[in-house]
Amino acid sequence: MLRKFCRSKIYNARITFKQLEYEGSITIDAQLMELAEIAEGEIVAVLNINNGARFETYVIKGDRGSGVVGLNGAAARLGEVGDKVIIFAFGYLSPEETEDFSMRRLHVDDNNRPQ
């Protein structure tokens, strides 16, 4: 049996823009995606620390080193520029894979730069 695990998270990222007129997604700086091992198009969970909103969406790659974390489409209604969010990526692991598994944690500063 496979179990669903949180395999990586980006902690304390700040929303840098909102774009309501879009199909939907979250834009994340390509460097942060790489460090957190999150792929473009991957489904992630987003938790807004400021207002408690929780939602799932897919990832769009933002410019490397830009610090961008943007909410697009319907997700743009769930946060404001400056809000802090936690972005979670998940994976399914077998019992054998869980023995050596450890979650990747990426903390960022107020400008979404890796710490």
Protein backbone atom coordinates (compact mmCIF):
# COMPACT_ATOMS: atom_id res chain seq x y z
CA MET A 1 0.00 0.00 0.00
CA LEU A 2 1.25 3.48 -0.85
CA ARG A 3 0.89 6.35 1.60
CA LYS A 4 0.74 10.03 0.79
CA PHE A 5 3.56 12.09 2.35
CA CYS A 6 4.54 15.72 2.31
CA ARG A 7 7.81 15.47 0.41
CA SER A 8 8.75 19.15 0.34
CA LYS A 9 7.60 22.58 1.47
CA ILE A 10 8.47 26.21 0.95
CA TYR A 11 7.89 27.96 4.26
CA ASN A 12 6.97 31.64 4.83
CA ALA A 13 6.94 32.71 1.18
CA ARG A 14 5.33 36.09 0.56
CA ILE A 15 2.79 36.66 -2.18
CA THR A 16 4.32 39.17 -4.61
CA PHE A 17 1.44 39.58 -7.07
CA LYS A 18 -2.13 38.56 -7.90
CA GLN A 19 -3.61 38.13 -11.38
CA LEU A 20 -7.32 37.35 -11.35
CA GLU A 21 -7.75 37.15 -15.13
CA TYR A 22 -5.91 33.86 -15.63
CA GLU A 23 -6.87 30.19 -15.84
CA GLY A 24 -5.46 29.52 -12.39
CA SER A 25 -2.23 28.48 -10.73
CA ILE A 26 0.64 29.70 -8.57
CA THR A 27 3.79 31.19 -10.10
CA ILE A 28 6.97 30.35 -8.16
CA ASP A 29 10.55 31.53 -8.70
CA ALA A 30 12.37 28.77 -10.65
CA GLN A 31 15.21 28.74 -8.10
CA LEU A 32 12.79 28.06 -5.25
CA MET A 33 11.11 25.33 -7.29
CA GLU A 34 14.47 23.66 -7.89
CA LEU A 35 15.55 23.86 -4.25
CA ALA A 36 12.19 22.46 -3.08
CA GLU A 37 12.16 19.85 -5.87
CA ILE A 38 8.83 21.05 -7.23
CA ALA A 39 8.18 20.63 -10.97
CA GLU A 40 6.32 22.93 -13.31
CA GLY A 41 2.75 21.68 -13.63
CA GLU A 42 2.92 19.80 -10.32
CA ILE A 43 -0.12 20.05 -8.06
CA VAL A 44 0.67 21.73 -4.73
CA ALA A 45 -1.26 22.70 -1.63
CA VAL A 46 -1.03 26.34 -0.54
CA LEU A 47 -1.80 27.47 3.01
CA ASN A 48 -2.22 31.18 3.62
CA ILE A 49 -0.84 31.97 7.08
CA ASN A 50 -2.59 35.37 7.18
CA ASN A 51 -6.17 34.30 6.48
CA GLY A 52 -6.21 30.51 6.89
CA ALA A 53 -7.17 29.78 3.27
CA ARG A 54 -6.09 26.37 1.98
CA PHE A 55 -6.22 25.39 -1.68
CA GLU A 56 -4.64 23.21 -4.35
CA THR A 57 -3.39 24.43 -7.71
CA TYR A 58 -0.65 23.74 -10.24
CA VAL A 59 2.76 25.42 -10.47
CA ILE A 60 4.00 27.78 -13.19
CA LYS A 61 7.73 28.49 -13.33
CA GLY A 62 8.63 32.12 -12.59
CA ASP A 63 11.85 33.94 -13.46
CA ARG A 64 14.88 32.48 -11.68
CA GLY A 65 16.06 34.62 -8.78
CA SER A 66 13.08 36.99 -9.01
CA GLY A 67 11.56 35.94 -5.68
CA VAL A 68 8.17 35.80 -7.38
CA VAL A 69 5.29 33.93 -5.72
CA GLY A 70 2.09 34.92 -7.48
CA LEU A 71 -1.52 33.82 -7.29
CA ASN A 72 -3.32 33.47 -10.60
CA GLY A 73 -6.98 32.98 -11.50
CA ALA A 74 -9.39 31.93 -8.77
CA ALA A 75 -6.47 31.45 -6.35
CA ALA A 76 -5.89 35.22 -6.51
CA ARG A 77 -9.03 35.65 -4.41
CA LEU A 78 -7.47 33.62 -1.58
CA GLY A 79 -4.58 35.91 -0.69
CA GLU A 80 -3.24 39.45 -0.80
CA VAL A 81 0.16 40.77 -1.83
CA GLY A 82 2.36 40.50 1.25
CA ASP A 83 0.53 37.52 2.78
CA LYS A 84 2.74 34.67 3.93
CA VAL A 85 2.07 31.20 2.54
CA ILE A 86 3.39 27.67 2.93
CA ILE A 87 3.57 25.66 -0.29
CA PHE A 88 3.46 21.85 0.06
CA ALA A 89 4.30 19.18 -2.53
CA PHE A 90 3.26 15.57 -1.95
CA GLY A 91 4.31 12.12 -3.07
CA TYR A 92 3.20 8.53 -2.63
CA LEU A 93 5.69 6.22 -0.94
CA SER A 94 5.82 2.50 -0.37
CA PRO A 95 6.60 1.21 3.15
CA GLU A 96 10.18 0.53 2.04
CA GLU A 97 10.63 4.08 0.72
CA THR A 98 9.47 5.61 4.01
CA GLU A 99 12.38 4.09 5.94
CA ASP A 100 14.94 6.52 4.46
CA PHE A 101 12.58 9.34 3.60
CA SER A 102 12.98 12.87 4.89
CA MET A 103 10.94 15.89 3.89
CA ARG A 104 12.74 18.73 2.11
CA ARG A 105 12.17 22.05 3.93
CA LEU A 106 12.98 25.37 2.28
CA HIS A 107 12.74 28.48 4.42
CA VAL A 108 12.73 31.86 2.69
CA ASP A 109 13.18 35.41 3.96
CA ASP A 110 10.75 38.32 3.48
CA ASN A 111 11.98 38.74 -0.12
CA ASN A 112 11.49 35.02 -0.93
CA ARG A 113 15.23 34.38 -0.92
CA PRO A 114 16.43 30.97 0.34
CA GLN A 115 17.79 31.04 3.90
